[in-house]
Amino acid sequence: AEEANVDPFEGANRAVFVFNDGLDKMILAPVARGYNWVTPGFVQTGVRNFFANLYDLNGAVNAVLQGRFTKMAENTGRFLVNSTVGMFGFIDIASEMGIDPYRTDFGHTLATWGFRSGPYLMVPFFGPRTVRSGTGTMFDTVASLQWQLDTTSRNLLFALEVVDNRASLSAAEDLITGDRYIFVRDAYLQQREYFVTGGAVVDTFSDFEDEFDWEE
C-alpha cells in the first residue's frame, strides 16, 4: 500500500516553523541562556520537579479516563507526598519511596480510545503537534491545576515553564542536522509514537487518511 502522507500541510507548516524559529532565536533562546547562567543546577532540578508534580495530578485524571485506576492511585499518591513532604513538589520524595510516575496526557487518552493521530501540524508559538496531541494539549491545559489560578499567577507559571523547558533543550541544539524542519517533525512524531505505545513501535500513521479523508 502507498505510504500515507503524515504532513499534508507541509507548506503552511514550514512557514509557521520559520516564524517560531525566528521568535525562538530573537527572544526565547537568549532568555533561556540567561536562565541557565544565573540559575544553579539544583534550583533548575527543583523547578522541573515542581512542574512534574503538577503533571502527576493531570496524569491521575487521564489515568481515570483510561480506566487505569492503579496508575491513578499511584499518581495521586505521588502528588500528595511531593506536595507536602516534598515542599510543593520541588523535591521528588515519591520517587525515592519507589512510587514511579505514570506519564500520560489527554492525547494519550484519545489514543487509548481509538482516535488516530491525524496529520502533523506546526502551531504558532506552541510548536509541533498532531491533531490528536493538539486536542489533548487544549484539554490538559484547561484541566490543569495552573489553569485554576488567577490570570497573573497562571501566566507567570506558564512563562517559567516555557523558559525552563527551553533551557533544558539548549544542550541538544547541536544534535540537529540537515533540514531543521524535517528533523524536528520526525523527532516529534517518533517521540509521540513511543509515548502513546509505551515503547512498542507501531505504524500509527499508515491509515489516518482513510479515517479522516484528508486531501493532499
Foldseek 3Di string as FASTA:
>chain_A
DDFDDQAPPVVVQVVLVVVLVVCCVVPQVVLLVVCVVPPDPLQLLLLVQLVVLQVLQQVLVLCVLLVNNVLNVLSVVQNVCCCPVVVNRSRRVSVVVVRDHDDDWVLLSVVSVPDFQAHWHQDHPPGIGTPSVVVRVVVSCCPTPLVPDDPVSSVVSVVVVSSSVSSVCPVVPVVQDDDNVVSVHVVVVVVVQCSSVVNDRDPRRRCVCVVVVDDD
